[in-house]
Amino acid sequence: MHLVIAGASGATGRLLIERAEAAGHKITALVRPRSSFDAPAGVRLLETQGLAPLA
């Protein structure tokens, strides 16, 4: 299953990513621009402002 996790740089988002990886899911992590979040290997990182992806 492919999961999209909004707020991935926060505590809950990081926990969800950890659990989803352990379950073998494909993950896209949504974070704010210039977030200090380092996506784990295999996790697609998408910077967004609200619900609109940045170009």
C-alpha atoms as a PDB file:
ATOM      1  CA  MET A   1       0.000   0.000   0.000  1.00  0.00           C
ATOM      2  CA  HIS A   2       1.211   3.549  -0.723  1.00  0.00           C
ATOM      3  CA  LEU A   3       0.706   5.918   2.225  1.00  0.00           C
ATOM      4  CA  VAL A   4       0.929   9.710   2.224  1.00  0.00           C
ATOM      5  CA  ILE A   5       1.811  11.090   5.643  1.00  0.00           C
ATOM      6  CA  ALA A   6       1.147  14.794   6.246  1.00  0.00           C
ATOM      7  CA  GLY A   7       3.110  16.447   9.033  1.00  0.00           C
ATOM      8  CA  ALA A   8       5.858  13.873   8.645  1.00  0.00           C
ATOM      9  CA  SER A   9       8.444  16.019  10.440  1.00  0.00           C
ATOM     10  CA  GLY A  10       6.441  16.046  13.689  1.00  0.00           C
ATOM     11  CA  ALA A  11       6.504  13.435  16.432  1.00  0.00           C
ATOM     12  CA  THR A  12       3.338  11.679  15.272  1.00  0.00           C
ATOM     13  CA  GLY A  13       4.407  11.762  11.623  1.00  0.00           C
ATOM     14  CA  ARG A  14       7.785  10.231  12.452  1.00  0.00           C
ATOM     15  CA  LEU A  15       6.097   7.470  14.422  1.00  0.00           C
ATOM     16  CA  LEU A  16       3.704   6.775  11.544  1.00  0.00           C
ATOM     17  CA  ILE A  17       6.615   6.564   9.101  1.00  0.00           C
ATOM     18  CA  GLU A  18       8.459   4.162  11.391  1.00  0.00           C
ATOM     19  CA  ARG A  19       5.401   1.905  11.720  1.00  0.00           C
ATOM     20  CA  ALA A  20       4.538   2.083   8.023  1.00  0.00           C
ATOM     21  CA  GLU A  21       8.110   1.148   7.034  1.00  0.00           C
ATOM     22  CA  ALA A  22       8.056  -1.799   9.421  1.00  0.00           C
ATOM     23  CA  ALA A  23       4.828  -2.973   7.781  1.00  0.00           C
ATOM     24  CA  GLY A  24       6.423  -2.739   4.320  1.00  0.00           C
ATOM     25  CA  HIS A  25       4.398   0.179   2.945  1.00  0.00           C
ATOM     26  CA  LYS A  26       5.584   2.637   0.294  1.00  0.00           C
ATOM     27  CA  ILE A  27       5.604   6.154   1.837  1.00  0.00           C
ATOM     28  CA  THR A  28       5.414   9.747   0.645  1.00  0.00           C
ATOM     29  CA  ALA A  29       6.179  12.206   3.451  1.00  0.00           C
ATOM     30  CA  LEU A  30       4.649  15.698   3.272  1.00  0.00           C
ATOM     31  CA  VAL A  31       6.621  18.430   5.043  1.00  0.00           C
ATOM     32  CA  ARG A  32       6.750  22.216   5.076  1.00  0.00           C
ATOM     33  CA  PRO A  33       9.359  23.981   2.936  1.00  0.00           C
ATOM     34  CA  ARG A  34      12.775  24.206   4.597  1.00  0.00           C
ATOM     35  CA  SER A  35      11.838  21.586   7.162  1.00  0.00           C
ATOM     36  CA  SER A  36      14.781  19.973   8.934  1.00  0.00           C
ATOM     37  CA  PHE A  37      13.245  16.538   8.352  1.00  0.00           C
ATOM     38  CA  ASP A  38      15.603  13.934   6.900  1.00  0.00           C
ATOM     39  CA  ALA A  39      13.525  11.273   5.177  1.00  0.00           C
ATOM     40  CA  PRO A  40      14.656   7.694   5.762  1.00  0.00           C
ATOM     41  CA  ALA A  41      15.955   5.787   2.738  1.00  0.00           C
ATOM     42  CA  GLY A  42      13.117   4.759   0.451  1.00  0.00           C
ATOM     43  CA  VAL A  43      10.719   7.453   1.697  1.00  0.00           C
ATOM     44  CA  ARG A  44       9.729  10.024  -0.930  1.00  0.00           C
ATOM     45  CA  LEU A  45       9.861  13.570   0.437  1.00  0.00           C
ATOM     46  CA  LEU A  46       7.430  16.197  -0.854  1.00  0.00           C
ATOM     47  CA  GLU A  47       7.595  19.796   0.373  1.00  0.00           C
ATOM     48  CA  THR A  48       4.172  21.442   0.440  1.00  0.00           C
ATOM     49  CA  GLN A  49       2.562  24.668   1.506  1.00  0.00           C
ATOM     50  CA  GLY A  50      -0.832  23.594   2.773  1.00  0.00           C
ATOM     51  CA  LEU A  51      -2.277  21.126   0.276  1.00  0.00           C
ATOM     52  CA  ALA A  52      -0.604  22.588  -2.839  1.00  0.00           C
ATOM     53  CA  PRO A  53       2.811  21.061  -3.745  1.00  0.00           C
ATOM     54  CA  LEU A  54       5.578  23.565  -4.450  1.00  0.00           C
ATOM     55  CA  ALA A  55       6.829  23.659  -8.027  1.00  0.00           C
END
